[in-house]
């Protein structure tokens, strides 16, 4: 079956910006929540391929892309944002979240599951992490935006600051060349980094089917995290993608797509 038509893009002031791929089918729609410094556009290839049998909605999380900028950036708030998008669909739907988006998706399942049917959590656990992303924010802030005319100009400046090549390309996808600005609320993300790196304490559980899909080369989801996961998510499944790191959907897109499709269609 061929790929679906190009997406329709719709923005509503009171909701997250959404990029809609495909049309409604008999299968539940899928909402995709990206990770820190990402956007719904980063998921274009995966979303288009999955939209051959279901509608796929890739959102921009708050303070990212074309969604609203807010001073606060906590998981309960991000969960509420996603719950609003899910409720607007008006029927049972599936949710896929990667990294920060995975934590927000887990929080939504635990606090406002609504019409959530199945959940895919990509390479993240409901735990606090000790590493910080602040150096990347500092690197983006240090880019002289007035001197760039192409994304490669910004990539060169990021490279000079020691940012690895793959992340240079990833970060500059959130660069507005015309407006010469980052489509990331770097100030709010920096201020809320402690909240982003943790996960809210809760005794809530969710009994819907959940796939924890990880990269075999990533250390974000460790064996000791499984006990914590099972305490909150009562029907978990675990799968690893060989040769993939934390950005498993970019490292092994076909394998990632196949794993998600198999789980959602089960």
Protein backbone atom coordinates (compact mmCIF):
# COMPACT_ATOMS: atom_id res chain seq x y z
CA UNK A 1 0.00 0.00 0.00
CA UNK A 2 1.46 3.40 -0.92
CA UNK A 3 2.12 6.30 1.40
CA UNK A 4 -0.74 8.59 2.34
CA UNK A 5 -1.11 12.05 0.87
CA UNK A 6 0.80 14.98 2.30
CA UNK A 7 -0.44 16.00 5.76
CA UNK A 8 -3.00 18.63 6.57
CA UNK A 9 -1.70 21.08 9.16
CA UNK A 10 -4.13 22.59 11.60
CA UNK A 11 -3.45 24.94 14.50
CA UNK A 12 -5.88 25.80 17.25
CA UNK A 13 -4.97 28.42 19.82
CA UNK A 14 -6.26 26.45 22.81
CA UNK A 15 -4.54 23.20 21.83
CA UNK A 16 -1.21 21.87 20.74
CA UNK A 17 -0.30 22.39 17.11
CA UNK A 18 -1.13 19.24 15.18
CA UNK A 19 0.14 17.81 11.91
CA UNK A 20 -2.48 15.42 10.61
CA UNK A 21 -1.48 12.56 8.31
CA UNK A 22 -4.09 10.57 6.41
CA UNK A 23 -7.81 10.34 7.02
CA UNK A 24 -9.95 8.53 9.57
CA UNK A 25 -10.29 4.77 9.08
CA UNK A 26 -11.87 1.96 11.06
CA UNK A 27 -8.68 1.74 13.10
CA UNK A 28 -8.08 4.00 16.11
CA UNK A 29 -6.08 7.13 15.31
CA UNK A 30 -2.54 7.48 16.64
CA UNK A 31 -1.18 10.57 18.40
CA UNK A 32 2.61 11.05 18.47
CA UNK A 33 4.35 13.15 21.15
CA UNK A 34 7.97 14.06 20.39
CA UNK A 35 10.90 14.48 22.76
CA UNK A 36 12.81 17.50 24.09
CA UNK A 37 13.95 19.98 21.39
CA UNK A 38 11.89 18.11 18.77
CA UNK A 39 8.67 18.79 16.90
CA UNK A 40 5.87 16.97 15.18
CA UNK A 41 7.66 17.46 11.86
CA UNK A 42 10.55 15.29 13.06
CA UNK A 43 8.15 12.35 12.89
CA UNK A 44 6.98 12.98 9.33
CA UNK A 45 8.38 9.81 7.74
CA UNK A 46 7.14 7.47 10.49
CA UNK A 47 3.76 9.22 10.66
CA UNK A 48 3.20 9.08 6.90
CA UNK A 49 4.05 5.41 6.72
CA UNK A 50 1.77 4.49 9.63
CA UNK A 51 -1.03 6.60 8.14
CA UNK A 52 -1.55 4.07 5.34
CA UNK A 53 -4.09 2.29 7.58
CA UNK A 54 -4.97 4.84 10.28
CA UNK A 55 -5.00 8.57 10.84
CA UNK A 56 -1.84 9.82 12.58
CA UNK A 57 -1.59 13.12 14.44
CA UNK A 58 1.91 14.38 15.31
CA UNK A 59 1.77 17.23 17.82
CA UNK A 60 4.17 19.99 18.78
CA UNK A 61 4.54 19.88 22.55
CA UNK A 62 4.20 23.15 24.47
CA UNK A 63 7.23 25.45 24.09
CA UNK A 64 8.16 23.62 20.88
CA UNK A 65 7.42 24.15 17.18
CA UNK A 66 4.21 26.05 16.48
CA UNK A 67 2.53 25.36 19.82
CA UNK A 68 2.02 27.98 22.50
CA UNK A 69 4.94 29.16 24.64
CA UNK A 70 4.27 29.03 28.37
CA UNK A 71 6.37 29.81 31.41
CA UNK A 72 5.80 26.39 32.93
CA UNK A 73 6.75 23.03 31.47
CA UNK A 74 5.77 20.18 33.79
CA UNK A 75 4.56 16.66 33.08
CA UNK A 76 1.09 17.16 34.59
CA UNK A 77 0.65 20.15 32.26
CA UNK A 78 1.98 18.26 29.23
CA UNK A 79 -0.29 15.33 30.11
CA UNK A 80 -3.26 17.70 30.18
CA UNK A 81 -2.25 19.08 26.77
CA UNK A 82 -2.21 15.57 25.31
CA UNK A 83 -5.48 14.65 27.03
CA UNK A 84 -7.13 17.63 25.33
CA UNK A 85 -5.91 16.47 21.93
CA UNK A 86 -7.06 12.90 22.61
CA UNK A 87 -10.48 14.06 23.81
CA UNK A 88 -10.93 16.18 20.68
CA UNK A 89 -10.64 13.03 18.55
CA UNK A 90 -13.91 11.85 20.07
CA UNK A 91 -13.15 8.14 19.94
CA UNK A 92 -10.67 5.58 21.34
CA UNK A 93 -7.15 6.42 20.23
CA UNK A 94 -3.57 5.25 20.67
CA UNK A 95 -0.65 7.32 21.92
CA UNK A 96 3.08 7.10 21.17
CA UNK A 97 5.58 9.20 23.09
CA UNK A 98 9.37 9.41 22.82
CA UNK A 99 11.67 10.56 25.62
CA UNK A 100 10.09 13.70 27.15
CA UNK A 101 6.97 12.95 25.10
CA UNK A 102 7.05 9.42 26.50
CA UNK A 103 7.03 10.73 30.05
CA UNK A 104 4.17 13.09 29.22
CA UNK A 105 2.29 10.19 27.63
CA UNK A 106 2.82 7.98 30.67
CA UNK A 107 1.62 10.79 32.93
CA UNK A 108 -1.50 11.18 30.80
CA UNK A 109 -2.22 7.45 31.02
CA UNK A 110 -1.84 7.58 34.81
CA UNK A 111 -3.85 10.74 35.38
CA UNK A 112 -6.24 11.37 32.47
CA UNK A 113 -6.52 8.20 30.37
CA UNK A 114 -9.90 9.15 28.92
CA UNK A 115 -10.26 7.34 25.59
CA UNK A 116 -6.68 6.02 25.54
CA UNK A 117 -6.62 2.51 24.07
CA UNK A 118 -2.94 1.53 23.67
CA UNK A 119 0.27 3.27 24.70
CA UNK A 120 3.76 3.08 23.19
CA UNK A 121 6.61 4.51 25.28
CA UNK A 122 9.81 4.95 23.25
CA UNK A 123 13.10 4.70 25.15
CA UNK A 124 12.22 6.31 28.47
CA UNK A 125 11.15 5.15 31.93
CA UNK A 126 8.97 6.82 34.59
CA UNK A 127 12.03 7.75 36.65
CA UNK A 128 14.28 10.73 37.33
CA UNK A 129 17.46 11.05 35.27
CA UNK A 130 20.68 12.67 36.47
CA UNK A 131 22.00 13.97 33.15
CA UNK A 132 21.01 17.44 31.98
CA UNK A 133 20.33 18.97 28.59
CA UNK A 134 21.41 22.47 29.61
CA UNK A 135 24.65 22.45 27.56
CA UNK A 136 22.57 22.05 24.40
CA UNK A 137 20.41 25.02 25.33
CA UNK A 138 23.55 27.07 25.90
CA UNK A 139 24.91 25.96 22.53
CA UNK A 140 21.74 26.99 20.71
CA UNK A 141 21.68 30.34 22.51
CA UNK A 142 25.28 30.96 21.45
CA UNK A 143 24.43 30.67 17.74
CA UNK A 144 24.61 34.08 16.05
CA UNK A 145 21.26 33.95 14.28
CA UNK A 146 21.85 37.26 12.50
CA UNK A 147 24.73 35.66 10.59
CA UNK A 148 22.91 32.61 9.22
CA UNK A 149 21.22 32.23 5.84
CA UNK A 150 21.12 28.41 5.73
CA UNK A 151 20.73 25.68 8.30
CA UNK A 152 24.27 24.58 7.54
CA UNK A 153 25.50 27.94 8.88
CA UNK A 154 23.90 27.20 12.25
CA UNK A 155 25.17 23.62 12.15
CA UNK A 156 28.72 24.91 11.69
CA UNK A 157 28.36 27.15 14.73
CA UNK A 158 26.98 24.25 16.79
CA UNK A 159 29.85 22.04 15.59
CA UNK A 160 32.35 24.65 16.77
CA UNK A 161 30.82 24.28 20.24
CA UNK A 162 31.30 20.51 20.24
CA UNK A 163 27.73 19.46 19.38
CA UNK A 164 27.80 16.10 17.58
CA UNK A 165 26.76 15.99 13.92
CA UNK A 166 23.48 14.11 14.36
CA UNK A 167 22.28 16.60 16.97
CA UNK A 168 23.33 19.57 14.84
CA UNK A 169 20.84 18.49 12.18
CA UNK A 170 18.19 17.63 14.77
CA UNK A 171 18.39 21.00 16.53
CA UNK A 172 18.36 23.07 13.33
CA UNK A 173 15.07 21.48 12.29
CA UNK A 174 13.62 23.80 14.94
CA UNK A 175 15.22 26.87 13.37
CA UNK A 176 13.05 29.49 11.68
CA UNK A 177 15.39 30.86 9.01
CA UNK A 178 12.98 33.58 7.89
CA UNK A 179 12.35 34.91 11.37
CA UNK A 180 15.91 34.10 12.48
CA UNK A 181 14.75 32.52 15.71
CA UNK A 182 14.56 29.18 17.42
CA UNK A 183 11.07 27.64 17.47
CA UNK A 184 11.92 26.51 21.00
CA UNK A 185 11.23 28.44 24.19
CA UNK A 186 14.81 28.00 25.40
CA UNK A 187 14.29 30.23 28.43
CA UNK A 188 11.33 28.20 29.72
CA UNK A 189 13.00 24.87 28.93
CA UNK A 190 16.13 25.94 30.80
CA UNK A 191 14.14 27.13 33.82
CA UNK A 192 12.08 23.93 33.91
CA UNK A 193 14.93 21.49 33.26
CA UNK A 194 14.75 19.99 36.79
CA UNK A 195 11.07 19.14 36.18
CA UNK A 196 11.84 17.76 32.72
CA UNK A 197 14.51 15.42 34.04
CA UNK A 198 12.33 13.96 36.80
CA UNK A 199 8.96 12.18 36.86
CA UNK A 200 6.08 13.08 39.21
CA UNK A 201 5.55 10.84 42.22
CA UNK A 202 2.23 9.06 41.94
CA UNK A 203 0.51 5.90 43.16
CA UNK A 204 -1.76 5.82 40.11
CA UNK A 205 -1.77 2.83 37.76
CA UNK A 206 -2.97 2.16 34.23
CA UNK A 207 -4.17 -1.26 33.10
CA UNK A 208 -4.19 -0.68 29.35
CA UNK A 209 -1.72 -2.41 26.99
CA UNK A 210 1.63 -0.60 27.03
CA UNK A 211 4.69 -1.26 24.89
CA UNK A 212 8.03 -0.10 26.24
CA UNK A 213 10.14 0.01 23.09
CA UNK A 214 13.84 0.71 23.61
CA UNK A 215 17.04 0.98 21.62
CA UNK A 216 19.44 -1.87 22.34
CA UNK A 217 22.35 0.61 22.37
CA UNK A 218 20.58 3.04 24.73
CA UNK A 219 20.91 3.12 28.51
CA UNK A 220 17.77 5.13 29.21
CA UNK A 221 15.69 2.12 30.25
CA UNK A 222 17.65 -0.17 32.55
CA UNK A 223 16.75 -3.61 33.93
CA UNK A 224 16.18 -2.11 37.38
CA UNK A 225 13.53 0.20 35.92
CA UNK A 226 11.24 -2.70 35.03
CA UNK A 227 10.01 -3.12 38.61
CA UNK A 228 9.06 0.56 38.71
CA UNK A 229 7.34 0.27 35.33
CA UNK A 230 5.35 -2.81 36.35
CA UNK A 231 4.16 -1.06 39.53
CA UNK A 232 2.46 1.66 37.45
CA UNK A 233 1.67 -0.05 34.14
CA UNK A 234 -0.12 -3.31 34.78
CA UNK A 235 0.02 -4.76 31.27
CA UNK A 236 3.50 -3.91 30.01
CA UNK A 237 5.34 -5.44 27.09
CA UNK A 238 9.04 -4.89 26.49
CA UNK A 239 10.90 -4.91 23.17
CA UNK A 240 14.34 -3.78 22.01
CA UNK A 241 15.50 -2.70 18.57
CA UNK A 242 19.02 -3.94 17.76
CA UNK A 243 21.46 -1.31 16.57
CA UNK A 244 19.34 1.59 17.82
CA UNK A 245 20.19 4.19 20.42
CA UNK A 246 17.97 6.70 22.21
CA UNK A 247 16.69 8.15 18.90
CA UNK A 248 15.56 4.67 17.89
CA UNK A 249 12.96 5.91 15.40
CA UNK A 250 15.72 7.73 13.47
CA UNK A 251 18.36 5.02 13.86
CA UNK A 252 16.16 2.13 12.72
CA UNK A 253 12.97 3.65 11.24
CA UNK A 254 11.70 0.54 9.46
CA UNK A 255 12.19 -1.69 12.50
CA UNK A 256 10.59 0.96 14.72
CA UNK A 257 7.61 1.28 12.41
CA UNK A 258 7.15 -2.49 12.25
CA UNK A 259 7.24 -2.86 16.05
CA UNK A 260 4.71 -0.08 16.58
CA UNK A 261 2.42 -1.34 13.83
CA UNK A 262 2.47 -4.91 15.19
CA UNK A 263 1.61 -3.73 18.70
CA UNK A 264 -1.18 -1.38 17.66
CA UNK A 265 -2.74 -4.01 15.40
CA UNK A 266 -2.55 -6.84 17.94
